[in-house]
Amino acid sequence: MRGNEEVLLRAILAVVARQTFPPRELYAIVAPKSGMQKQVQAYNLCDGSRTQGEIAKLLGLDSGNFSKSVKRWIDAGVMTKVIADGVEKPIHVYPLPENLGAQS
């Protein structure tokens, strides 16, 4: 089992998170207003492999505004941060389908 711990922990987190925050509720937290597709893309990129700055740069987001979004998501309980190689990286509870907002 050695080496699978991270995968298994992420799976457990995703299952618990889906019970706590069903996809539509999570979408409403991540993108509370219509037309916030970049917010969903940014949220989905918060998979623990990139820094906030890297995500903001990749999507052309204002880093200050994105930082506020990440703080809001952390405060709502749908994101946390991990430290990898001494660097903080945001990680979501589970990724959202980007087209979920269009299915309302």
PDB file of N, CA and C in Angstrom:
ATOM      1  N   MET A   1       0.822  -1.190   0.000  1.00  0.00           N
ATOM      2  CA  MET A   1       0.000   0.000   0.000  1.00  0.00           C
ATOM      3  C   MET A   1       0.867   1.255   0.000  1.00  0.00           C
ATOM      4  N   ARG A   2       2.097   1.133   0.330  1.00  0.00           N
ATOM      5  CA  ARG A   2       2.993   2.280   0.366  1.00  0.00           C
ATOM      6  C   ARG A   2       2.947   3.003  -0.976  1.00  0.00           C
ATOM      7  N   GLY A   3       2.790   4.323  -0.954  1.00  0.00           N
ATOM      8  CA  GLY A   3       2.722   5.095  -2.182  1.00  0.00           C
ATOM      9  C   GLY A   3       1.303   5.435  -2.603  1.00  0.00           C
ATOM     10  N   ASN A   4       0.329   4.717  -2.085  1.00  0.00           N
ATOM     11  CA  ASN A   4      -1.066   4.974  -2.421  1.00  0.00           C
ATOM     12  C   ASN A   4      -1.765   5.857  -1.394  1.00  0.00           C
ATOM     13  N   GLU A   5      -1.077   6.196  -0.310  1.00  0.00           N
ATOM     14  CA  GLU A   5      -1.715   6.939   0.768  1.00  0.00           C
ATOM     15  C   GLU A   5      -2.331   8.249   0.289  1.00  0.00           C
ATOM     16  N   GLU A   6      -1.590   9.010  -0.504  1.00  0.00           N
ATOM     17  CA  GLU A   6      -2.103  10.301  -0.969  1.00  0.00           C
ATOM     18  C   GLU A   6      -3.344  10.116  -1.835  1.00  0.00           C
ATOM     19  N   VAL A   7      -3.313   9.146  -2.730  1.00  0.00           N
ATOM     20  CA  VAL A   7      -4.459   8.888  -3.601  1.00  0.00           C
ATOM     21  C   VAL A   7      -5.676   8.497  -2.766  1.00  0.00           C
ATOM     22  N   LEU A   8      -5.461   7.610  -1.795  1.00  0.00           N
ATOM     23  CA  LEU A   8      -6.566   7.161  -0.960  1.00  0.00           C
ATOM     24  C   LEU A   8      -7.112   8.289  -0.091  1.00  0.00           C
ATOM     25  N   LEU A   9      -6.241   9.106   0.470  1.00  0.00           N
ATOM     26  CA  LEU A   9      -6.698  10.235   1.280  1.00  0.00           C
ATOM     27  C   LEU A   9      -7.497  11.228   0.442  1.00  0.00           C
ATOM     28  N   ARG A  10      -7.051  11.487  -0.782  1.00  0.00           N
ATOM     29  CA  ARG A  10      -7.799  12.392  -1.659  1.00  0.00           C
ATOM     30  C   ARG A  10      -9.175  11.814  -2.004  1.00  0.00           C
ATOM     31  N   ALA A  11      -9.228  10.515  -2.210  1.00  0.00           N
ATOM     32  CA  ALA A  11     -10.510   9.868  -2.518  1.00  0.00           C
ATOM     33  C   ALA A  11     -11.461   9.980  -1.334  1.00  0.00           C
ATOM     34  N   ILE A  12     -10.953   9.748  -0.139  1.00  0.00           N
ATOM     35  CA  ILE A  12     -11.782   9.875   1.063  1.00  0.00           C
ATOM     36  C   ILE A  12     -12.269  11.305   1.216  1.00  0.00           C
ATOM     37  N   LEU A  13     -11.376  12.269   1.039  1.00  0.00           N
ATOM     38  CA  LEU A  13     -11.753  13.680   1.125  1.00  0.00           C
ATOM     39  C   LEU A  13     -12.849  14.006   0.116  1.00  0.00           C
ATOM     40  N   ALA A  14     -12.703  13.538  -1.108  1.00  0.00           N
ATOM     41  CA  ALA A  14     -13.690  13.832  -2.148  1.00  0.00           C
ATOM     42  C   ALA A  14     -15.058  13.244  -1.806  1.00  0.00           C
ATOM     43  N   VAL A  15     -15.084  12.027  -1.282  1.00  0.00           N
ATOM     44  CA  VAL A  15     -16.357  11.394  -0.928  1.00  0.00           C
ATOM     45  C   VAL A  15     -17.046  12.166   0.195  1.00  0.00           C
ATOM     46  N   VAL A  16     -16.292  12.500   1.236  1.00  0.00           N
ATOM     47  CA  VAL A  16     -16.858  13.259   2.355  1.00  0.00           C
ATOM     48  C   VAL A  16     -17.298  14.644   1.880  1.00  0.00           C
ATOM     49  N   ALA A  17     -16.477  15.280   1.068  1.00  0.00           N
ATOM     50  CA  ALA A  17     -16.803  16.626   0.578  1.00  0.00           C
ATOM     51  C   ALA A  17     -18.063  16.622  -0.279  1.00  0.00           C
ATOM     52  N   ARG A  18     -18.255  15.608  -1.101  1.00  0.00           N
ATOM     53  CA  ARG A  18     -19.462  15.541  -1.940  1.00  0.00           C
ATOM     54  C   ARG A  18     -20.720  15.392  -1.091  1.00  0.00           C
ATOM     55  N   GLN A  19     -20.604  14.745   0.054  1.00  0.00           N
ATOM     56  CA  GLN A  19     -21.744  14.634   0.961  1.00  0.00           C
ATOM     57  C   GLN A  19     -22.018  15.974   1.638  1.00  0.00           C
ATOM     58  N   THR A  20     -20.972  16.698   1.957  1.00  0.00           N
ATOM     59  CA  THR A  20     -21.094  17.989   2.626  1.00  0.00           C
ATOM     60  C   THR A  20     -21.462  19.092   1.650  1.00  0.00           C
ATOM     61  N   PHE A  21     -20.810  19.087   0.486  1.00  0.00           N
ATOM     62  CA  PHE A  21     -21.017  20.102  -0.545  1.00  0.00           C
ATOM     63  C   PHE A  21     -21.347  19.405  -1.864  1.00  0.00           C
ATOM     64  N   PRO A  22     -22.625  19.115  -2.123  1.00  0.00           N
ATOM     65  CA  PRO A  22     -22.971  18.532  -3.428  1.00  0.00           C
ATOM     66  C   PRO A  22     -22.491  19.461  -4.560  1.00  0.00           C
ATOM     67  N   PRO A  23     -22.278  18.933  -5.748  1.00  0.00           N
ATOM     68  CA  PRO A  23     -21.715  19.739  -6.831  1.00  0.00           C
ATOM     69  C   PRO A  23     -22.383  21.098  -7.064  1.00  0.00           C
ATOM     70  N   ARG A  24     -23.707  21.164  -7.065  1.00  0.00           N
ATOM     71  CA  ARG A  24     -24.370  22.461  -7.311  1.00  0.00           C
ATOM     72  C   ARG A  24     -24.102  23.459  -6.187  1.00  0.00           C
ATOM     73  N   GLU A  25     -24.084  22.978  -4.950  1.00  0.00           N
ATOM     74  CA  GLU A  25     -23.772  23.867  -3.829  1.00  0.00           C
ATOM     75  C   GLU A  25     -22.317  24.338  -3.887  1.00  0.00           C
ATOM     76  N   LEU A  26     -21.419  23.425  -4.232  1.00  0.00           N
ATOM     77  CA  LEU A  26     -20.017  23.789  -4.372  1.00  0.00           C
ATOM     78  C   LEU A  26     -19.846  24.817  -5.480  1.00  0.00           C
ATOM     79  N   TYR A  27     -20.540  24.606  -6.584  1.00  0.00           N
ATOM     80  CA  TYR A  27     -20.468  25.550  -7.704  1.00  0.00           C
ATOM     81  C   TYR A  27     -20.928  26.937  -7.254  1.00  0.00           C
ATOM     82  N   ALA A  28     -21.992  26.994  -6.461  1.00  0.00           N
ATOM     83  CA  ALA A  28     -22.504  28.281  -5.978  1.00  0.00           C
ATOM     84  C   ALA A  28     -21.505  28.975  -5.051  1.00  0.00           C
ATOM     85  N   ILE A  29     -20.711  28.208  -4.334  1.00  0.00           N
ATOM     86  CA  ILE A  29     -19.677  28.793  -3.476  1.00  0.00           C
ATOM     87  C   ILE A  29     -18.518  29.304  -4.320  1.00  0.00           C
ATOM     88  N   VAL A  30     -18.107  28.514  -5.284  1.00  0.00           N
ATOM     89  CA  VAL A  30     -16.959  28.868  -6.119  1.00  0.00           C
ATOM     90  C   VAL A  30     -17.285  30.024  -7.063  1.00  0.00           C
ATOM     91  N   ALA A  31     -18.457  29.987  -7.673  1.00  0.00           N
ATOM     92  CA  ALA A  31     -18.856  30.994  -8.660  1.00  0.00           C
ATOM     93  C   ALA A  31     -20.256  31.487  -8.327  1.00  0.00           C
ATOM     94  N   PRO A  32     -20.373  32.370  -7.303  1.00  0.00           N
ATOM     95  CA  PRO A  32     -21.701  32.787  -6.842  1.00  0.00           C
ATOM     96  C   PRO A  32     -22.505  33.621  -7.837  1.00  0.00           C
ATOM     97  N   LYS A  33     -21.852  34.194  -8.834  1.00  0.00           N
ATOM     98  CA  LYS A  33     -22.555  34.990  -9.847  1.00  0.00           C
ATOM     99  C   LYS A  33     -22.375  34.319 -11.203  1.00  0.00           C
ATOM    100  N   SER A  34     -23.315  34.551 -12.090  1.00  0.00           N
ATOM    101  CA  SER A  34     -23.169  33.975 -13.431  1.00  0.00           C
ATOM    102  C   SER A  34     -21.999  34.650 -14.147  1.00  0.00           C
ATOM    103  N   GLY A  35     -21.427  33.950 -15.082  1.00  0.00           N
ATOM    104  CA  GLY A  35     -20.314  34.496 -15.850  1.00  0.00           C
ATOM    105  C   GLY A  35     -18.976  34.400 -15.137  1.00  0.00           C
ATOM    106  N   MET A  36     -18.882  33.543 -14.144  1.00  0.00           N
ATOM    107  CA  MET A  36     -17.629  33.408 -13.393  1.00  0.00           C
ATOM    108  C   MET A  36     -16.898  32.115 -13.776  1.00  0.00           C
ATOM    109  N   GLN A  37     -16.904  31.795 -15.053  1.00  0.00           N
ATOM    110  CA  GLN A  37     -16.300  30.560 -15.532  1.00  0.00           C
ATOM    111  C   GLN A  37     -14.812  30.478 -15.200  1.00  0.00           C
ATOM    112  N   LYS A  38     -14.114  31.618 -15.245  1.00  0.00           N
ATOM    113  CA  LYS A  38     -12.683  31.597 -14.914  1.00  0.00           C
ATOM    114  C   LYS A  38     -12.460  31.223 -13.453  1.00  0.00           C
ATOM    115  N   GLN A  39     -13.417  31.572 -12.588  1.00  0.00           N
ATOM    116  CA  GLN A  39     -13.315  31.193 -11.180  1.00  0.00           C
ATOM    117  C   GLN A  39     -13.350  29.675 -11.055  1.00  0.00           C
ATOM    118  N   VAL A  40     -14.232  29.037 -11.820  1.00  0.00           N
ATOM    119  CA  VAL A  40     -14.332  27.581 -11.795  1.00  0.00           C
ATOM    120  C   VAL A  40     -13.047  26.962 -12.345  1.00  0.00           C
ATOM    121  N   GLN A  41     -12.531  27.516 -13.422  1.00  0.00           N
ATOM    122  CA  GLN A  41     -11.270  27.015 -13.973  1.00  0.00           C
ATOM    123  C   GLN A  41     -10.144  27.160 -12.953  1.00  0.00           C
ATOM    124  N   ALA A  42     -10.086  28.309 -12.303  1.00  0.00           N
ATOM    125  CA  ALA A  42      -9.046  28.550 -11.300  1.00  0.00           C
ATOM    126  C   ALA A  42      -9.201  27.577 -10.131  1.00  0.00           C
ATOM    127  N   TYR A  43     -10.431  27.408  -9.656  1.00  0.00           N
ATOM    128  CA  TYR A  43     -10.702  26.472  -8.563  1.00  0.00           C
ATOM    129  C   TYR A  43     -10.220  25.069  -8.939  1.00  0.00           C
ATOM    130  N   ASN A  44     -10.547  24.632 -10.139  1.00  0.00           N
ATOM    131  CA  ASN A  44     -10.163  23.292 -10.574  1.00  0.00           C
ATOM    132  C   ASN A  44      -8.650  23.122 -10.687  1.00  0.00           C
ATOM    133  N   LEU A  45      -7.943  24.214 -10.967  1.00  0.00           N
ATOM    134  CA  LEU A  45      -6.483  24.141 -11.045  1.00  0.00           C
ATOM    135  C   LEU A  45      -5.843  24.061  -9.659  1.00  0.00           C
ATOM    136  N   CYS A  46      -6.615  24.317  -8.625  1.00  0.00           N
ATOM    137  CA  CYS A  46      -6.113  24.238  -7.246  1.00  0.00           C
ATOM    138  C   CYS A  46      -6.113  22.782  -6.802  1.00  0.00           C
ATOM    139  N   ASP A  47      -5.235  22.003  -7.401  1.00  0.00           N
ATOM    140  CA  ASP A  47      -5.177  20.572  -7.108  1.00  0.00           C
ATOM    141  C   ASP A  47      -3.946  20.199  -6.286  1.00  0.00           C
ATOM    142  N   GLY A  48      -3.275  21.207  -5.745  1.00  0.00           N
ATOM    143  CA  GLY A  48      -2.095  20.969  -4.922  1.00  0.00           C
ATOM    144  C   GLY A  48      -0.802  20.867  -5.698  1.00  0.00           C
ATOM    145  N   SER A  49      -0.867  21.050  -7.017  1.00  0.00           N
ATOM    146  CA  SER A  49       0.340  20.943  -7.840  1.00  0.00           C
ATOM    147  C   SER A  49       0.905  22.298  -8.250  1.00  0.00           C
ATOM    148  N   ARG A  50       0.155  23.380  -8.008  1.00  0.00           N
ATOM    149  CA  ARG A  50       0.575  24.728  -8.419  1.00  0.00           C
ATOM    150  C   ARG A  50       0.392  25.705  -7.272  1.00  0.00           C
ATOM    151  N   THR A  51       1.159  26.786  -7.310  1.00  0.00           N
ATOM    152  CA  THR A  51       0.974  27.856  -6.337  1.00  0.00           C
ATOM    153  C   THR A  51      -0.157  28.766  -6.813  1.00  0.00           C
ATOM    154  N   GLN A  52      -0.656  29.602  -5.895  1.00  0.00           N
ATOM    155  CA  GLN A  52      -1.684  30.582  -6.285  1.00  0.00           C
ATOM    156  C   GLN A  52      -1.169  31.467  -7.412  1.00  0.00           C
ATOM    157  N   GLY A  53       0.064  31.914  -7.298  1.00  0.00           N
ATOM    158  CA  GLY A  53       0.642  32.781  -8.321  1.00  0.00           C
ATOM    159  C   GLY A  53       0.699  32.122  -9.683  1.00  0.00           C
ATOM    160  N   GLU A  54       1.050  30.845  -9.715  1.00  0.00           N
ATOM    161  CA  GLU A  54       1.116  30.118 -10.978  1.00  0.00           C
ATOM    162  C   GLU A  54      -0.269  30.010 -11.610  1.00  0.00           C
ATOM    163  N   ILE A  55      -1.276  29.768 -10.791  1.00  0.00           N
ATOM    164  CA  ILE A  55      -2.644  29.652 -11.307  1.00  0.00           C
ATOM    165  C   ILE A  55      -3.127  30.990 -11.840  1.00  0.00           C
ATOM    166  N   ALA A  56      -2.902  32.054 -11.074  1.00  0.00           N
ATOM    167  CA  ALA A  56      -3.319  33.392 -11.513  1.00  0.00           C
ATOM    168  C   ALA A  56      -2.655  33.754 -12.836  1.00  0.00           C
ATOM    169  N   LYS A  57      -1.364  33.489 -12.943  1.00  0.00           N
ATOM    170  CA  LYS A  57      -0.634  33.801 -14.176  1.00  0.00           C
ATOM    171  C   LYS A  57      -1.140  32.966 -15.343  1.00  0.00           C
ATOM    172  N   LEU A  58      -1.360  31.683 -15.094  1.00  0.00           N
ATOM    173  CA  LEU A  58      -1.823  30.781 -16.148  1.00  0.00           C
ATOM    174  C   LEU A  58      -3.148  31.240 -16.751  1.00  0.00           C
ATOM    175  N   LEU A  59      -4.062  31.746 -15.904  1.00  0.00           N
ATOM    176  CA  LEU A  59      -5.383  32.163 -16.377  1.00  0.00           C
ATOM    177  C   LEU A  59      -5.501  33.664 -16.626  1.00  0.00           C
ATOM    178  N   GLY A  60      -4.437  34.399 -16.373  1.00  0.00           N
ATOM    179  CA  GLY A  60      -4.478  35.848 -16.567  1.00  0.00           C
ATOM    180  C   GLY A  60      -5.354  36.551 -15.541  1.00  0.00           C
ATOM    181  N   LEU A  61      -5.372  36.043 -14.318  1.00  0.00           N
ATOM    182  CA  LEU A  61      -6.185  36.643 -13.248  1.00  0.00           C
ATOM    183  C   LEU A  61      -5.361  37.641 -12.452  1.00  0.00           C
ATOM    184  N   ASP A  62      -6.018  38.635 -11.905  1.00  0.00           N
ATOM    185  CA  ASP A  62      -5.370  39.551 -10.982  1.00  0.00           C
ATOM    186  C   ASP A  62      -5.027  38.762  -9.727  1.00  0.00           C
ATOM    187  N   SER A  63      -3.759  38.766  -9.328  1.00  0.00           N
ATOM    188  CA  SER A  63      -3.337  37.925  -8.210  1.00  0.00           C
ATOM    189  C   SER A  63      -3.988  38.342  -6.893  1.00  0.00           C
ATOM    190  N   GLY A  64      -4.242  39.631  -6.700  1.00  0.00           N
ATOM    191  CA  GLY A  64      -4.903  40.093  -5.489  1.00  0.00           C
ATOM    192  C   GLY A  64      -6.336  39.595  -5.399  1.00  0.00           C
ATOM    193  N   ASN A  65      -7.069  39.711  -6.501  1.00  0.00           N
ATOM    194  CA  ASN A  65      -8.452  39.218  -6.522  1.00  0.00           C
ATOM    195  C   ASN A  65      -8.506  37.703  -6.368  1.00  0.00           C
ATOM    196  N   PHE A  66      -7.557  37.009  -7.004  1.00  0.00           N
ATOM    197  CA  PHE A  66      -7.538  35.556  -6.875  1.00  0.00           C
ATOM    198  C   PHE A  66      -7.215  35.150  -5.442  1.00  0.00           C
ATOM    199  N   SER A  67      -6.334  35.870  -4.805  1.00  0.00           N
ATOM    200  CA  SER A  67      -6.009  35.600  -3.405  1.00  0.00           C
ATOM    201  C   SER A  67      -7.254  35.737  -2.520  1.00  0.00           C
ATOM    202  N   LYS A  68      -8.077  36.734  -2.811  1.00  0.00           N
ATOM    203  CA  LYS A  68      -9.331  36.914  -2.064  1.00  0.00           C
ATOM    204  C   LYS A  68     -10.276  35.745  -2.312  1.00  0.00           C
ATOM    205  N   SER A  69     -10.331  35.256  -3.542  1.00  0.00           N
ATOM    206  CA  SER A  69     -11.177  34.097  -3.854  1.00  0.00           C
ATOM    207  C   SER A  69     -10.703  32.872  -3.090  1.00  0.00           C
ATOM    208  N   VAL A  70      -9.397  32.639  -3.082  1.00  0.00           N
ATOM    209  CA  VAL A  70      -8.850  31.485  -2.367  1.00  0.00           C
ATOM    210  C   VAL A  70      -9.172  31.595  -0.879  1.00  0.00           C
ATOM    211  N   LYS A  71      -9.027  32.768  -0.311  1.00  0.00           N
ATOM    212  CA  LYS A  71      -9.351  32.969   1.110  1.00  0.00           C
ATOM    213  C   LYS A  71     -10.837  32.676   1.356  1.00  0.00           C
ATOM    214  N   ARG A  72     -11.693  33.152   0.463  1.00  0.00           N
ATOM    215  CA  ARG A  72     -13.139  32.909   0.590  1.00  0.00           C
ATOM    216  C   ARG A  72     -13.435  31.411   0.523  1.00  0.00           C
ATOM    217  N   TRP A  73     -12.782  30.709  -0.389  1.00  0.00           N
ATOM    218  CA  TRP A  73     -12.989  29.271  -0.524  1.00  0.00           C
ATOM    219  C   TRP A  73     -12.485  28.522   0.710  1.00  0.00           C
ATOM    220  N   ILE A  74     -11.344  28.946   1.245  1.00  0.00           N
ATOM    221  CA  ILE A  74     -10.824  28.317   2.462  1.00  0.00           C
ATOM    222  C   ILE A  74     -11.781  28.566   3.624  1.00  0.00           C
ATOM    223  N   ASP A  75     -12.253  29.795   3.752  1.00  0.00           N
ATOM    224  CA  ASP A  75     -13.201  30.130   4.821  1.00  0.00           C
ATOM    225  C   ASP A  75     -14.501  29.323   4.698  1.00  0.00           C
ATOM    226  N   ALA A  76     -14.912  29.015   3.462  1.00  0.00           N
ATOM    227  CA  ALA A  76     -16.132  28.232   3.232  1.00  0.00           C
ATOM    228  C   ALA A  76     -15.904  26.735   3.446  1.00  0.00           C
ATOM    229  N   GLY A  77     -14.646  26.325   3.590  1.00  0.00           N
ATOM    230  CA  GLY A  77     -14.341  24.917   3.824  1.00  0.00           C
ATOM    231  C   GLY A  77     -14.219  24.070   2.585  1.00  0.00           C
ATOM    232  N   VAL A  78     -14.113  24.698   1.405  1.00  0.00           N
ATOM    233  CA  VAL A  78     -14.027  23.920   0.166  1.00  0.00           C
ATOM    234  C   VAL A  78     -12.602  23.871  -0.391  1.00  0.00           C
ATOM    235  N   MET A  79     -11.669  24.430   0.367  1.00  0.00           N
ATOM    236  CA  MET A  79     -10.274  24.439  -0.054  1.00  0.00           C
ATOM    237  C   MET A  79      -9.401  24.527   1.181  1.00  0.00           C
ATOM    238  N   THR A  80      -8.196  24.032   1.038  1.00  0.00           N
ATOM    239  CA  THR A  80      -7.176  24.189   2.066  1.00  0.00           C
ATOM    240  C   THR A  80      -5.852  24.375   1.339  1.00  0.00           C
ATOM    241  N   LYS A  81      -4.791  24.471   2.087  1.00  0.00           N
ATOM    242  CA  LYS A  81      -3.476  24.573   1.467  1.00  0.00           C
ATOM    243  C   LYS A  81      -2.588  23.464   1.988  1.00  0.00           C
ATOM    244  N   VAL A  82      -1.745  22.951   1.113  1.00  0.00           N
ATOM    245  CA  VAL A  82      -0.755  21.957   1.485  1.00  0.00           C
ATOM    246  C   VAL A  82       0.618  22.593   1.288  1.00  0.00           C
ATOM    247  N   ILE A  83       1.588  22.048   1.954  1.00  0.00           N
ATOM    248  CA  ILE A  83       2.960  22.511   1.757  1.00  0.00           C
ATOM    249  C   ILE A  83       3.708  21.396   1.045  1.00  0.00           C
ATOM    250  N   ALA A  84       4.165  21.716  -0.148  1.00  0.00           N
ATOM    251  CA  ALA A  84       4.927  20.767  -0.950  1.00  0.00           C
ATOM    252  C   ALA A  84       6.262  21.412  -1.301  1.00  0.00           C
ATOM    253  N   ASP A  85       7.332  20.749  -0.953  1.00  0.00           N
ATOM    254  CA  ASP A  85       8.678  21.285  -1.193  1.00  0.00           C
ATOM    255  C   ASP A  85       8.847  22.670  -0.568  1.00  0.00           C
ATOM    256  N   GLY A  86       8.231  22.866   0.594  1.00  0.00           N
ATOM    257  CA  GLY A  86       8.373  24.126   1.313  1.00  0.00           C
ATOM    258  C   GLY A  86       7.537  25.269   0.770  1.00  0.00           C
ATOM    259  N   VAL A  87       6.643  24.977  -0.173  1.00  0.00           N
ATOM    260  CA  VAL A  87       5.820  26.007  -0.807  1.00  0.00           C
ATOM    261  C   VAL A  87       4.348  25.695  -0.568  1.00  0.00           C
ATOM    262  N   GLU A  88       3.577  26.717  -0.168  1.00  0.00           N
ATOM    263  CA  GLU A  88       2.125  26.539   0.009  1.00  0.00           C
ATOM    264  C   GLU A  88       1.429  26.448  -1.342  1.00  0.00           C
ATOM    265  N   LYS A  89       0.544  25.470  -1.447  1.00  0.00           N
ATOM    266  CA  LYS A  89      -0.223  25.289  -2.679  1.00  0.00           C
ATOM    267  C   LYS A  89      -1.673  24.999  -2.302  1.00  0.00           C
ATOM    268  N   PRO A  90      -2.625  25.687  -2.961  1.00  0.00           N
ATOM    269  CA  PRO A  90      -4.036  25.447  -2.642  1.00  0.00           C
ATOM    270  C   PRO A  90      -4.525  24.122  -3.219  1.00  0.00           C
ATOM    271  N   ILE A  91      -5.422  23.483  -2.461  1.00  0.00           N
ATOM    272  CA  ILE A  91      -5.985  22.222  -2.920  1.00  0.00           C
ATOM    273  C   ILE A  91      -7.486  22.201  -2.625  1.00  0.00           C
ATOM    274  N   HIS A  92      -8.282  21.949  -3.662  1.00  0.00           N
ATOM    275  CA  HIS A  92      -9.736  21.915  -3.530  1.00  0.00           C
ATOM    276  C   HIS A  92     -10.203  20.590  -2.943  1.00  0.00           C
ATOM    277  N   VAL A  93     -11.462  20.559  -2.508  1.00  0.00           N
ATOM    278  CA  VAL A  93     -12.003  19.311  -1.958  1.00  0.00           C
ATOM    279  C   VAL A  93     -12.293  18.299  -3.061  1.00  0.00           C
ATOM    280  N   TYR A  94     -12.713  18.773  -4.209  1.00  0.00           N
ATOM    281  CA  TYR A  94     -12.841  17.947  -5.414  1.00  0.00           C
ATOM    282  C   TYR A  94     -13.094  18.886  -6.588  1.00  0.00           C
ATOM    283  N   PRO A  95     -12.694  18.494  -7.813  1.00  0.00           N
ATOM    284  CA  PRO A  95     -12.892  19.381  -8.971  1.00  0.00           C
ATOM    285  C   PRO A  95     -14.364  19.430  -9.383  1.00  0.00           C
ATOM    286  N   LEU A  96     -14.719  20.545  -9.982  1.00  0.00           N
ATOM    287  CA  LEU A  96     -16.086  20.756 -10.468  1.00  0.00           C
ATOM    288  C   LEU A  96     -16.166  20.580 -11.975  1.00  0.00           C
ATOM    289  N   PRO A  97     -17.256  20.009 -12.478  1.00  0.00           N
ATOM    290  CA  PRO A  97     -17.460  20.041 -13.932  1.00  0.00           C
ATOM    291  C   PRO A  97     -17.637  21.508 -14.347  1.00  0.00           C
ATOM    292  N   GLU A  98     -16.877  21.948 -15.326  1.00  0.00           N
ATOM    293  CA  GLU A  98     -16.914  23.359 -15.714  1.00  0.00           C
ATOM    294  C   GLU A  98     -18.250  23.760 -16.323  1.00  0.00           C
ATOM    295  N   ASN A  99     -19.008  22.813 -16.838  1.00  0.00           N
ATOM    296  CA  ASN A  99     -20.290  23.148 -17.472  1.00  0.00           C
ATOM    297  C   ASN A  99     -21.468  23.075 -16.489  1.00  0.00           C
ATOM    298  N   LEU A 100     -21.212  22.832 -15.233  1.00  0.00           N
ATOM    299  CA  LEU A 100     -22.295  22.678 -14.259  1.00  0.00           C
ATOM    300  C   LEU A 100     -23.146  23.927 -14.161  1.00  0.00           C
ATOM    301  N   GLY A 101     -22.560  25.102 -14.255  1.00  0.00           N
ATOM    302  CA  GLY A 101     -23.302  26.358 -14.179  1.00  0.00           C
ATOM    303  C   GLY A 101     -24.280  26.518 -15.334  1.00  0.00           C
ATOM    304  N   ALA A 102     -23.983  25.922 -16.482  1.00  0.00           N
ATOM    305  CA  ALA A 102     -24.880  26.020 -17.636  1.00  0.00           C
ATOM    306  C   ALA A 102     -26.072  25.077 -17.534  1.00  0.00           C
ATOM    307  N   GLN A 103     -26.031  24.154 -16.552  1.00  0.00           N
ATOM    308  CA  GLN A 103     -27.078  23.158 -16.420  1.00  0.00           C
ATOM    309  C   GLN A 103     -28.193  23.596 -15.483  1.00  0.00           C
ATOM    310  N   SER A 104     -28.199  24.828 -15.071  1.00  0.00           N
ATOM    311  CA  SER A 104     -29.222  25.305 -14.114  1.00  0.00           C
ATOM    312  C   SER A 104     -30.603  25.352 -14.668  1.00  0.00           C
TER     313      SER A 104
END
